Amino acid sequence: FRSTQQSTPPSDWILADFAKVGYASPNGANFTFAQRYDAPYIWTRFYVLFGRIEVVLQAAPGAGIITSAVMLSDDLDEIDWEWSGNNFAGSSGKVQTNYFGKGIAGYYDRGTQPAVSDPQDQFHTYALDWQPDSLTWSIDGTNIRTLKNSYQTTGEYQFPQTPSRLHLGLWCSGDPSTNGATVQWGGGYTNFSQAPFTAY
């Protein structure tokens, strides 16, 4: 997407209904949350089952504004990179890694929040090395988490193992209509008067 020649989603990507994503920026595709109810999002038409997936990304600022790079299957297997815009600027920034099997949230105890330098002002390469026996998250070539396949086929800790599509975009966890736990997780209610919020 780092091409100023791109003006529409590439043919093997889908733009969410009513969403807008810009492609003319020298920073690549820009996902801008301009007002309440925006959700700029694209996802691949194709599926991946195991392999290496890399995203070069600069996260958006803003309390409750979540930048996402998520692998999601039709069976709701999920592998996450997510950035909350509330307090992750500067050298003490963080990103969340997470996974779900068949959409089962369980005890919400699988996420980690590794450090990443200045994710709202710097581009970093976030990679998933997804293999049948393990899943490794890495930042700029440094492994920060490895999950071994436990071969569970039921329950809360199933390893993601069905063909998935990559979803990229922004969503708001801090809308006044959102439940309290999600608002707290995302860093509080979003101040829409501070929009726009943009990820690249």
N, C-alpha and C. Protein backbone atom coordinates (compact mmCIF):
# COMPACT_ATOMS: atom_id res chain seq x y z
N PHE A 1 0.82 -1.21 0.00
CA PHE A 1 0.00 0.00 0.00
C PHE A 1 0.85 1.27 0.00
N ARG A 2 2.16 1.17 -0.02
CA ARG A 2 3.00 2.35 0.04
C ARG A 2 3.18 2.96 -1.34
N SER A 3 2.16 2.95 -2.11
CA SER A 3 2.23 3.50 -3.45
C SER A 3 1.30 4.70 -3.58
N THR A 4 1.83 5.83 -4.01
CA THR A 4 0.97 6.99 -4.23
C THR A 4 0.12 6.81 -5.48
N GLN A 5 0.34 5.72 -6.25
CA GLN A 5 -0.46 5.45 -7.44
C GLN A 5 -1.78 4.75 -7.08
N GLN A 6 -1.86 4.19 -5.89
CA GLN A 6 -3.06 3.45 -5.49
C GLN A 6 -4.17 4.43 -5.11
N SER A 7 -5.36 4.25 -5.68
CA SER A 7 -6.48 5.15 -5.35
C SER A 7 -7.70 4.40 -4.85
N THR A 8 -7.69 3.09 -4.99
CA THR A 8 -8.79 2.24 -4.51
C THR A 8 -8.17 1.02 -3.84
N PRO A 9 -8.98 0.26 -3.11
CA PRO A 9 -8.41 -0.96 -2.52
C PRO A 9 -7.87 -1.87 -3.60
N PRO A 10 -6.75 -2.54 -3.36
CA PRO A 10 -6.27 -3.53 -4.33
C PRO A 10 -7.37 -4.56 -4.60
N SER A 11 -7.33 -5.20 -5.75
CA SER A 11 -8.42 -6.06 -6.18
C SER A 11 -8.64 -7.26 -5.26
N ASP A 12 -7.61 -7.65 -4.50
CA ASP A 12 -7.78 -8.79 -3.61
C ASP A 12 -8.10 -8.38 -2.17
N TRP A 13 -8.57 -7.12 -2.01
CA TRP A 13 -9.01 -6.63 -0.70
C TRP A 13 -10.44 -6.10 -0.81
N ILE A 14 -11.18 -6.12 0.31
CA ILE A 14 -12.56 -5.66 0.38
C ILE A 14 -12.64 -4.46 1.31
N LEU A 15 -13.33 -3.41 0.88
CA LEU A 15 -13.56 -2.24 1.72
C LEU A 15 -14.89 -2.42 2.44
N ALA A 16 -14.91 -2.18 3.75
CA ALA A 16 -16.14 -2.31 4.52
C ALA A 16 -17.20 -1.34 4.01
N ASP A 17 -18.47 -1.72 4.12
CA ASP A 17 -19.58 -0.86 3.72
C ASP A 17 -19.49 0.49 4.43
N PHE A 18 -19.69 1.56 3.68
CA PHE A 18 -19.72 2.94 4.18
C PHE A 18 -18.36 3.43 4.68
N ALA A 19 -17.30 2.65 4.52
CA ALA A 19 -15.98 3.04 5.00
C ALA A 19 -15.22 3.79 3.92
N LYS A 20 -14.26 4.59 4.36
CA LYS A 20 -13.35 5.30 3.47
C LYS A 20 -11.93 5.04 3.93
N VAL A 21 -11.08 4.65 2.98
CA VAL A 21 -9.65 4.49 3.23
C VAL A 21 -8.93 5.23 2.13
N GLY A 22 -7.96 6.05 2.50
CA GLY A 22 -7.21 6.82 1.51
C GLY A 22 -5.93 6.11 1.13
N TYR A 23 -5.49 6.33 -0.11
CA TYR A 23 -4.29 5.65 -0.60
C TYR A 23 -3.25 6.59 -1.20
N ALA A 24 -3.51 7.89 -1.21
CA ALA A 24 -2.60 8.81 -1.89
C ALA A 24 -1.48 9.34 -0.99
N SER A 25 -1.49 9.01 0.29
CA SER A 25 -0.49 9.51 1.22
C SER A 25 0.87 8.86 0.97
N PRO A 26 1.96 9.61 1.13
CA PRO A 26 3.29 8.98 1.03
C PRO A 26 3.52 7.98 2.16
N ASN A 27 2.68 8.03 3.21
CA ASN A 27 2.78 7.07 4.31
C ASN A 27 2.03 5.78 4.02
N GLY A 28 1.43 5.66 2.86
CA GLY A 28 0.69 4.45 2.52
C GLY A 28 -0.80 4.64 2.76
N ALA A 29 -1.51 3.53 2.91
CA ALA A 29 -2.96 3.59 3.14
C ALA A 29 -3.22 4.32 4.45
N ASN A 30 -4.19 5.24 4.43
CA ASN A 30 -4.54 5.94 5.67
C ASN A 30 -5.96 5.59 6.07
N PHE A 31 -6.08 5.18 7.33
CA PHE A 31 -7.34 4.79 7.94
C PHE A 31 -7.69 5.90 8.92
N THR A 32 -8.67 6.74 8.56
CA THR A 32 -8.98 7.91 9.36
C THR A 32 -10.37 7.79 9.98
N PHE A 33 -10.40 7.89 11.29
CA PHE A 33 -11.64 7.96 12.05
C PHE A 33 -11.94 9.44 12.20
N ALA A 34 -12.90 9.94 11.41
CA ALA A 34 -13.18 11.38 11.37
C ALA A 34 -14.32 11.81 12.27
N GLN A 35 -15.26 10.88 12.55
CA GLN A 35 -16.42 11.24 13.36
C GLN A 35 -17.03 9.97 13.96
N ARG A 36 -17.89 10.17 14.94
CA ARG A 36 -18.53 9.05 15.61
C ARG A 36 -19.17 8.12 14.57
N TYR A 37 -19.07 6.82 14.81
CA TYR A 37 -19.59 5.74 13.98
C TYR A 37 -18.71 5.40 12.78
N ASP A 38 -17.61 6.13 12.57
CA ASP A 38 -16.68 5.73 11.52
C ASP A 38 -16.03 4.39 11.90
N ALA A 39 -15.65 3.64 10.91
CA ALA A 39 -14.92 2.38 11.11
C ALA A 39 -14.19 2.03 9.82
N PRO A 40 -13.13 2.77 9.49
CA PRO A 40 -12.41 2.48 8.24
C PRO A 40 -11.73 1.12 8.32
N TYR A 41 -12.12 0.22 7.43
CA TYR A 41 -11.67 -1.17 7.52
C TYR A 41 -11.57 -1.79 6.14
N ILE A 42 -10.55 -2.61 5.95
CA ILE A 42 -10.43 -3.45 4.76
C ILE A 42 -10.02 -4.85 5.20
N TRP A 43 -10.32 -5.85 4.35
CA TRP A 43 -9.86 -7.20 4.64
C TRP A 43 -9.63 -7.94 3.33
N THR A 44 -8.83 -8.98 3.41
CA THR A 44 -8.45 -9.72 2.21
C THR A 44 -9.60 -10.57 1.70
N ARG A 45 -9.66 -10.70 0.38
CA ARG A 45 -10.59 -11.66 -0.23
C ARG A 45 -10.06 -13.09 -0.05
N PHE A 46 -8.75 -13.21 0.02
CA PHE A 46 -8.11 -14.52 0.11
C PHE A 46 -7.90 -14.94 1.56
N TYR A 47 -7.73 -16.23 1.75
CA TYR A 47 -7.50 -16.82 3.07
C TYR A 47 -6.06 -17.31 3.18
N VAL A 48 -5.57 -17.36 4.40
CA VAL A 48 -4.24 -17.89 4.70
C VAL A 48 -4.41 -18.98 5.75
N LEU A 49 -3.78 -20.11 5.54
CA LEU A 49 -3.71 -21.14 6.57
C LEU A 49 -2.24 -21.45 6.78
N PHE A 50 -1.69 -20.85 7.81
CA PHE A 50 -0.28 -20.96 8.18
C PHE A 50 0.59 -20.16 7.20
N GLY A 51 1.68 -19.65 7.72
CA GLY A 51 2.59 -18.83 6.94
C GLY A 51 3.05 -17.63 7.75
N ARG A 52 3.65 -16.67 7.07
CA ARG A 52 4.15 -15.46 7.71
C ARG A 52 3.38 -14.27 7.17
N ILE A 53 2.84 -13.46 8.08
CA ILE A 53 2.06 -12.28 7.73
C ILE A 53 2.74 -11.08 8.37
N GLU A 54 3.07 -10.06 7.58
CA GLU A 54 3.71 -8.85 8.10
C GLU A 54 2.87 -7.64 7.78
N VAL A 55 2.79 -6.72 8.74
CA VAL A 55 2.10 -5.44 8.55
C VAL A 55 3.06 -4.34 9.00
N VAL A 56 3.32 -3.38 8.13
CA VAL A 56 4.12 -2.21 8.49
C VAL A 56 3.13 -1.12 8.83
N LEU A 57 3.12 -0.67 10.09
CA LEU A 57 1.99 0.11 10.59
C LEU A 57 2.43 1.19 11.56
N GLN A 58 1.69 2.30 11.51
CA GLN A 58 1.78 3.37 12.51
C GLN A 58 0.38 3.52 13.10
N ALA A 59 0.24 3.31 14.39
CA ALA A 59 -1.07 3.27 15.05
C ALA A 59 -1.66 4.66 15.22
N ALA A 60 -2.99 4.70 15.35
CA ALA A 60 -3.71 5.96 15.55
C ALA A 60 -3.73 6.34 17.02
N PRO A 61 -3.74 7.65 17.32
CA PRO A 61 -3.92 8.11 18.70
C PRO A 61 -5.40 8.16 19.06
N GLY A 62 -5.69 8.54 20.31
CA GLY A 62 -7.07 8.78 20.74
C GLY A 62 -7.59 7.73 21.70
N ALA A 63 -8.02 8.15 22.87
CA ALA A 63 -8.61 7.21 23.83
C ALA A 63 -9.76 6.46 23.18
N GLY A 64 -9.76 5.15 23.32
CA GLY A 64 -10.83 4.35 22.77
C GLY A 64 -10.74 4.09 21.28
N ILE A 65 -9.73 4.62 20.62
CA ILE A 65 -9.53 4.36 19.19
C ILE A 65 -8.58 3.18 19.07
N ILE A 66 -9.07 2.08 18.49
CA ILE A 66 -8.30 0.85 18.41
C ILE A 66 -7.86 0.61 16.97
N THR A 67 -6.55 0.55 16.77
CA THR A 67 -5.99 0.15 15.49
C THR A 67 -5.83 -1.36 15.52
N SER A 68 -6.25 -2.04 14.46
CA SER A 68 -6.26 -3.50 14.46
C SER A 68 -5.61 -4.07 13.22
N ALA A 69 -4.86 -5.13 13.43
CA ALA A 69 -4.38 -6.01 12.36
C ALA A 69 -4.69 -7.41 12.86
N VAL A 70 -5.78 -7.98 12.35
CA VAL A 70 -6.35 -9.20 12.93
C VAL A 70 -6.55 -10.25 11.86
N MET A 71 -6.13 -11.47 12.14
CA MET A 71 -6.45 -12.63 11.32
C MET A 71 -7.74 -13.21 11.88
N LEU A 72 -8.76 -13.41 11.02
CA LEU A 72 -10.05 -13.90 11.47
C LEU A 72 -10.60 -14.93 10.48
N SER A 73 -11.02 -16.08 11.01
CA SER A 73 -11.57 -17.13 10.15
C SER A 73 -13.08 -17.11 10.17
N ASP A 74 -13.69 -17.81 9.23
CA ASP A 74 -15.15 -17.93 9.21
C ASP A 74 -15.66 -18.67 10.43
N ASP A 75 -14.80 -19.49 11.05
CA ASP A 75 -15.15 -20.21 12.28
C ASP A 75 -14.82 -19.42 13.54
N LEU A 76 -14.39 -18.16 13.37
CA LEU A 76 -14.05 -17.24 14.46
C LEU A 76 -12.77 -17.61 15.19
N ASP A 77 -11.88 -18.33 14.55
CA ASP A 77 -10.50 -18.37 15.05
C ASP A 77 -9.94 -16.97 14.82
N GLU A 78 -9.10 -16.51 15.73
CA GLU A 78 -8.63 -15.12 15.66
C GLU A 78 -7.22 -15.00 16.20
N ILE A 79 -6.41 -14.18 15.52
CA ILE A 79 -5.06 -13.84 15.96
C ILE A 79 -4.95 -12.33 15.88
N ASP A 80 -4.56 -11.69 16.98
CA ASP A 80 -4.66 -10.22 17.07
C ASP A 80 -3.32 -9.52 17.28
N TRP A 81 -3.23 -8.38 16.60
CA TRP A 81 -2.40 -7.24 16.99
C TRP A 81 -3.40 -6.10 17.19
N GLU A 82 -3.41 -5.44 18.35
CA GLU A 82 -4.29 -4.28 18.55
C GLU A 82 -3.57 -3.23 19.37
N TRP A 83 -3.80 -1.98 18.97
CA TRP A 83 -3.19 -0.83 19.63
C TRP A 83 -4.29 0.09 20.11
N SER A 84 -4.28 0.45 21.38
CA SER A 84 -5.22 1.45 21.90
C SER A 84 -4.53 2.80 21.84
N GLY A 85 -5.24 3.79 21.34
CA GLY A 85 -4.64 5.12 21.18
C GLY A 85 -4.58 5.94 22.44
N ASN A 86 -5.01 5.39 23.58
CA ASN A 86 -5.13 6.23 24.77
C ASN A 86 -3.82 6.60 25.44
N ASN A 87 -2.89 5.68 25.56
CA ASN A 87 -1.69 6.00 26.33
C ASN A 87 -0.44 5.33 25.78
N PHE A 88 -0.46 5.02 24.48
CA PHE A 88 0.65 4.27 23.95
C PHE A 88 1.58 5.10 23.08
N ALA A 89 1.58 6.41 23.26
CA ALA A 89 2.53 7.25 22.52
C ALA A 89 3.84 7.31 23.29
N GLY A 90 4.89 7.72 22.62
CA GLY A 90 6.18 7.87 23.27
C GLY A 90 6.93 6.56 23.38
N SER A 91 8.08 6.62 24.02
CA SER A 91 8.97 5.46 24.07
C SER A 91 8.38 4.32 24.90
N SER A 92 7.36 4.59 25.71
CA SER A 92 6.79 3.55 26.56
C SER A 92 5.52 2.95 25.97
N GLY A 93 5.41 2.96 24.64
CA GLY A 93 4.22 2.44 23.99
C GLY A 93 4.05 0.94 24.16
N LYS A 94 2.83 0.48 23.86
CA LYS A 94 2.51 -0.94 23.97
C LYS A 94 1.63 -1.35 22.80
N VAL A 95 1.57 -2.65 22.60
CA VAL A 95 0.66 -3.26 21.64
C VAL A 95 0.10 -4.50 22.31
N GLN A 96 -1.12 -4.88 21.95
CA GLN A 96 -1.69 -6.09 22.53
C GLN A 96 -1.63 -7.23 21.53
N THR A 97 -1.18 -8.40 22.00
CA THR A 97 -1.29 -9.64 21.23
C THR A 97 -2.38 -10.48 21.88
N ASN A 98 -3.11 -11.23 21.06
CA ASN A 98 -4.15 -12.09 21.62
C ASN A 98 -4.52 -13.16 20.60
N TYR A 99 -5.26 -14.15 21.05
CA TYR A 99 -5.77 -15.18 20.15
C TYR A 99 -7.04 -15.77 20.74
N PHE A 100 -7.88 -16.30 19.86
CA PHE A 100 -9.11 -16.97 20.26
C PHE A 100 -9.33 -18.16 19.33
N GLY A 101 -9.90 -19.22 19.86
CA GLY A 101 -10.33 -20.35 19.06
C GLY A 101 -11.84 -20.40 19.04
N LYS A 102 -12.40 -20.39 17.83
CA LYS A 102 -13.85 -20.48 17.62
C LYS A 102 -14.62 -19.37 18.33
N GLY A 103 -13.99 -18.22 18.54
CA GLY A 103 -14.68 -17.08 19.14
C GLY A 103 -14.91 -17.17 20.63
N ILE A 104 -14.34 -18.16 21.28
CA ILE A 104 -14.56 -18.35 22.71
C ILE A 104 -13.63 -17.42 23.49
N ALA A 105 -14.22 -16.45 24.18
CA ALA A 105 -13.43 -15.45 24.91
C ALA A 105 -12.91 -15.99 26.24
N GLY A 106 -13.65 -16.92 26.84
CA GLY A 106 -13.20 -17.51 28.10
C GLY A 106 -13.02 -16.48 29.18
N TYR A 107 -11.84 -16.49 29.79
CA TYR A 107 -11.56 -15.62 30.93
C TYR A 107 -10.80 -14.35 30.53
N TYR A 108 -10.68 -14.08 29.26
CA TYR A 108 -9.95 -12.90 28.78
C TYR A 108 -8.54 -12.84 29.37
N ASP A 109 -7.89 -14.00 29.43
CA ASP A 109 -6.58 -14.06 30.09
C ASP A 109 -5.46 -14.44 29.13
N ARG A 110 -5.68 -14.30 27.83
CA ARG A 110 -4.67 -14.71 26.87
C ARG A 110 -3.89 -13.56 26.26
N GLY A 111 -4.31 -12.34 26.54
CA GLY A 111 -3.64 -11.19 25.93
C GLY A 111 -2.34 -10.84 26.63
N THR A 112 -1.40 -10.29 25.87
CA THR A 112 -0.18 -9.72 26.43
C THR A 112 -0.03 -8.31 25.89
N GLN A 113 0.75 -7.48 26.56
CA GLN A 113 0.97 -6.10 26.11
C GLN A 113 2.46 -5.78 26.09
N PRO A 114 3.16 -6.30 25.09
CA PRO A 114 4.60 -6.02 24.99
C PRO A 114 4.86 -4.56 24.62
N ALA A 115 6.03 -4.10 25.03
CA ALA A 115 6.45 -2.73 24.74
C ALA A 115 6.84 -2.58 23.28
N VAL A 116 6.56 -1.38 22.74
CA VAL A 116 7.02 -1.03 21.40
C VAL A 116 7.27 0.48 21.42
N SER A 117 8.37 0.90 20.86
CA SER A 117 8.77 2.30 20.90
C SER A 117 7.88 3.17 20.01
N ASP A 118 7.19 4.12 20.63
CA ASP A 118 6.50 5.19 19.92
C ASP A 118 5.62 4.70 18.76
N PRO A 119 4.65 3.81 19.02
CA PRO A 119 3.88 3.21 17.92
C PRO A 119 2.97 4.18 17.18
N GLN A 120 2.69 5.37 17.77
CA GLN A 120 1.82 6.33 17.09
C GLN A 120 2.58 7.29 16.20
N ASP A 121 3.90 7.33 16.34
CA ASP A 121 4.70 8.25 15.53
C ASP A 121 5.76 7.56 14.69
N GLN A 122 5.90 6.25 14.85
CA GLN A 122 6.89 5.51 14.08
C GLN A 122 6.24 4.28 13.44
N PHE A 123 6.73 3.93 12.27
CA PHE A 123 6.33 2.68 11.65
C PHE A 123 7.15 1.54 12.24
N HIS A 124 6.50 0.43 12.49
CA HIS A 124 7.17 -0.80 12.91
C HIS A 124 6.61 -1.94 12.06
N THR A 125 7.41 -3.00 11.94
CA THR A 125 6.96 -4.19 11.23
C THR A 125 6.48 -5.21 12.27
N TYR A 126 5.20 -5.49 12.21
CA TYR A 126 4.56 -6.44 13.13
C TYR A 126 4.30 -7.72 12.34
N ALA A 127 4.83 -8.83 12.81
CA ALA A 127 4.73 -10.08 12.04
C ALA A 127 4.12 -11.20 12.88
N LEU A 128 3.42 -12.08 12.17
CA LEU A 128 2.92 -13.34 12.74
C LEU A 128 3.57 -14.46 11.96
N ASP A 129 4.23 -15.37 12.67
CA ASP A 129 4.74 -16.59 12.05
C ASP A 129 3.85 -17.72 12.55
N TRP A 130 2.87 -18.07 11.72
CA TRP A 130 1.79 -18.98 12.11
C TRP A 130 2.05 -20.34 11.48
N GLN A 131 2.40 -21.30 12.31
CA GLN A 131 2.72 -22.65 11.85
C GLN A 131 1.79 -23.66 12.53
N PRO A 132 1.70 -24.88 12.02
CA PRO A 132 0.78 -25.85 12.63
C PRO A 132 1.05 -26.12 14.11
N ASP A 133 2.32 -26.00 14.53
CA ASP A 133 2.64 -26.34 15.92
C ASP A 133 2.91 -25.14 16.81
N SER A 134 2.98 -23.93 16.23
CA SER A 134 3.26 -22.75 17.06
C SER A 134 2.89 -21.48 16.32
N LEU A 135 2.73 -20.42 17.09
CA LEU A 135 2.40 -19.09 16.57
C LEU A 135 3.31 -18.09 17.28
N THR A 136 4.08 -17.33 16.49
CA THR A 136 5.02 -16.37 17.07
C THR A 136 4.71 -14.97 16.58
N TRP A 137 4.58 -14.04 17.52
CA TRP A 137 4.43 -12.62 17.22
C TRP A 137 5.82 -11.99 17.31
N SER A 138 6.15 -11.08 16.37
CA SER A 138 7.44 -10.39 16.43
C SER A 138 7.28 -8.93 16.02
N ILE A 139 8.16 -8.09 16.54
CA ILE A 139 8.19 -6.66 16.22
C ILE A 139 9.58 -6.33 15.69
N ASP A 140 9.65 -5.83 14.48
CA ASP A 140 10.92 -5.45 13.85
C ASP A 140 11.94 -6.58 13.93
N GLY A 141 11.46 -7.81 13.73
CA GLY A 141 12.34 -8.97 13.69
C GLY A 141 12.67 -9.60 15.02
N THR A 142 12.17 -9.03 16.12
CA THR A 142 12.42 -9.59 17.44
C THR A 142 11.18 -10.33 17.94
N ASN A 143 11.32 -11.61 18.22
CA ASN A 143 10.19 -12.39 18.72
C ASN A 143 9.80 -11.90 20.12
N ILE A 144 8.50 -11.65 20.29
CA ILE A 144 8.04 -11.15 21.59
C ILE A 144 7.04 -12.10 22.26
N ARG A 145 6.56 -13.11 21.51
CA ARG A 145 5.66 -14.08 22.13
C ARG A 145 5.55 -15.30 21.23
N THR A 146 5.58 -16.48 21.83
CA THR A 146 5.34 -17.71 21.09
C THR A 146 4.28 -18.53 21.83
N LEU A 147 3.29 -18.97 21.07
CA LEU A 147 2.22 -19.81 21.58
C LEU A 147 2.36 -21.18 20.94
N LYS A 148 2.46 -22.22 21.76
CA LYS A 148 2.53 -23.59 21.25
C LYS A 148 1.13 -24.12 21.04
N ASN A 149 0.95 -24.96 20.03
CA ASN A 149 -0.32 -25.59 19.77
C ASN A 149 -0.57 -26.66 20.83
N SER A 150 -1.64 -26.49 21.61
CA SER A 150 -1.97 -27.45 22.66
C SER A 150 -2.84 -28.59 22.14
N TYR A 151 -3.28 -28.48 20.89
CA TYR A 151 -4.12 -29.49 20.23
C TYR A 151 -5.47 -29.68 20.92
N GLN A 152 -5.93 -28.66 21.65
CA GLN A 152 -7.28 -28.69 22.20
C GLN A 152 -8.27 -28.40 21.08
N THR A 153 -9.37 -29.11 21.07
CA THR A 153 -10.41 -28.89 20.06
C THR A 153 -11.70 -28.37 20.67
N THR A 154 -11.71 -28.16 21.99
CA THR A 154 -12.84 -27.55 22.67
C THR A 154 -12.29 -26.65 23.77
N GLY A 155 -13.16 -25.80 24.32
CA GLY A 155 -12.77 -24.98 25.45
C GLY A 155 -12.12 -23.67 25.06
N GLU A 156 -11.58 -23.00 26.10
CA GLU A 156 -11.12 -21.62 25.97
C GLU A 156 -9.77 -21.43 25.30
N TYR A 157 -8.95 -22.47 25.21
CA TYR A 157 -7.56 -22.27 24.79
C TYR A 157 -7.23 -22.99 23.49
N GLN A 158 -8.16 -22.99 22.56
CA GLN A 158 -7.92 -23.63 21.27
C GLN A 158 -6.95 -22.81 20.43
N PHE A 159 -6.05 -23.48 19.80
CA PHE A 159 -5.08 -22.85 18.90
C PHE A 159 -5.79 -22.47 17.60
N PRO A 160 -5.60 -21.26 17.08
CA PRO A 160 -6.22 -20.89 15.80
C PRO A 160 -5.69 -21.78 14.68
N GLN A 161 -6.60 -22.47 13.98
CA GLN A 161 -6.13 -23.44 12.99
C GLN A 161 -7.10 -23.63 11.84
N THR A 162 -7.78 -22.54 11.47
CA THR A 162 -8.64 -22.58 10.29
C THR A 162 -8.28 -21.42 9.36
N PRO A 163 -8.49 -21.57 8.05
CA PRO A 163 -8.11 -20.51 7.10
C PRO A 163 -8.70 -19.16 7.49
N SER A 164 -7.86 -18.13 7.45
CA SER A 164 -8.23 -16.81 7.97
C SER A 164 -7.90 -15.72 6.98
N ARG A 165 -8.62 -14.59 7.14
CA ARG A 165 -8.35 -13.41 6.32
C ARG A 165 -7.78 -12.31 7.21
N LEU A 166 -6.92 -11.48 6.63
CA LEU A 166 -6.34 -10.36 7.36
C LEU A 166 -7.27 -9.16 7.30
N HIS A 167 -7.61 -8.62 8.47
CA HIS A 167 -8.44 -7.42 8.60
C HIS A 167 -7.56 -6.28 9.11
N LEU A 168 -7.62 -5.12 8.47
CA LEU A 168 -6.86 -3.93 8.88
C LEU A 168 -7.82 -2.77 9.05
N GLY A 169 -7.65 -2.00 10.13
CA GLY A 169 -8.48 -0.81 10.26
C GLY A 169 -8.55 -0.26 11.66
N LEU A 170 -9.54 0.63 11.84
CA LEU A 170 -9.78 1.28 13.13
C LEU A 170 -11.20 1.01 13.58
N TRP A 171 -11.39 0.91 14.89
CA TRP A 171 -12.73 0.86 15.46
C TRP A 171 -12.70 1.57 16.81
N CYS A 172 -13.86 1.90 17.30
CA CYS A 172 -13.97 2.71 18.51
C CYS A 172 -14.52 1.86 19.66
N SER A 173 -13.70 1.69 20.69
CA SER A 173 -14.16 0.98 21.89
C SER A 173 -14.69 1.96 22.93
N GLY A 174 -14.57 3.25 22.66
CA GLY A 174 -14.91 4.27 23.64
C GLY A 174 -16.18 5.04 23.34
N ASP A 175 -17.07 4.47 22.52
CA ASP A 175 -18.34 5.13 22.24
C ASP A 175 -19.22 5.10 23.49
N PRO A 176 -20.03 6.15 23.72
CA PRO A 176 -20.90 6.17 24.91
C PRO A 176 -21.86 4.99 24.98
N SER A 177 -22.16 4.35 23.86
CA SER A 177 -23.08 3.21 23.87
C SER A 177 -22.40 1.88 24.19
N THR A 178 -21.07 1.89 24.34
CA THR A 178 -20.31 0.66 24.56
C THR A 178 -20.33 0.28 26.03
N ASN A 179 -20.27 -1.04 26.31
CA ASN A 179 -20.31 -1.48 27.71
C ASN A 179 -19.02 -1.12 28.44
N GLY A 180 -19.11 -1.07 29.77
CA GLY A 180 -18.02 -0.57 30.61
C GLY A 180 -16.72 -1.31 30.49
N ALA A 181 -16.75 -2.66 30.39
CA ALA A 181 -15.51 -3.43 30.32
C ALA A 181 -14.73 -3.12 29.05
N THR A 182 -15.45 -2.99 27.93
CA THR A 182 -14.78 -2.68 26.67
C THR A 182 -14.22 -1.26 26.69
N VAL A 183 -14.96 -0.32 27.27
CA VAL A 183 -14.48 1.06 27.39
C VAL A 183 -13.20 1.10 28.21
N GLN A 184 -13.21 0.40 29.33
CA GLN A 184 -12.03 0.38 30.20
C GLN A 184 -10.83 -0.24 29.49
N TRP A 185 -11.08 -1.37 28.80
CA TRP A 185 -10.00 -2.03 28.07
C TRP A 185 -9.37 -1.09 27.04
N GLY A 186 -10.19 -0.29 26.35
CA GLY A 186 -9.70 0.58 25.30
C GLY A 186 -9.15 1.92 25.79
N GLY A 187 -9.16 2.16 27.09
CA GLY A 187 -8.55 3.37 27.62
C GLY A 187 -9.51 4.50 27.91
N GLY A 188 -10.82 4.22 27.94
CA GLY A 188 -11.79 5.25 28.30
C GLY A 188 -12.66 5.67 27.14
N TYR A 189 -13.53 6.61 27.42
CA TYR A 189 -14.43 7.12 26.39
C TYR A 189 -13.68 7.99 25.40
N THR A 190 -14.09 7.95 24.16
CA THR A 190 -13.45 8.71 23.10
C THR A 190 -13.99 10.13 23.08
N ASN A 191 -13.08 11.08 22.98
CA ASN A 191 -13.45 12.49 22.82
C ASN A 191 -13.50 12.77 21.33
N PHE A 192 -14.71 12.72 20.76
CA PHE A 192 -14.86 12.87 19.32
C PHE A 192 -14.48 14.26 18.83
N SER A 193 -14.45 15.25 19.71
CA SER A 193 -14.04 16.60 19.30
C SER A 193 -12.55 16.64 18.94
N GLN A 194 -11.79 15.61 19.34
CA GLN A 194 -10.36 15.57 19.01
C GLN A 194 -10.09 14.88 17.66
N ALA A 195 -11.13 14.35 17.05
CA ALA A 195 -10.96 13.69 15.73
C ALA A 195 -10.49 14.72 14.70
N PRO A 196 -9.82 14.31 13.65
CA PRO A 196 -9.65 12.93 13.19
C PRO A 196 -8.47 12.20 13.86
N PHE A 197 -8.60 10.89 13.87
CA PHE A 197 -7.55 10.00 14.36
C PHE A 197 -7.17 9.11 13.18
N THR A 198 -5.86 9.02 12.88
CA THR A 198 -5.43 8.31 11.67
C THR A 198 -4.33 7.31 11.96
N ALA A 199 -4.47 6.13 11.39
CA ALA A 199 -3.41 5.11 11.36
C ALA A 199 -2.96 4.96 9.92
N TYR A 200 -1.72 4.56 9.74
CA TYR A 200 -1.16 4.34 8.41
C TYR A 200 -0.58 2.94 8.30
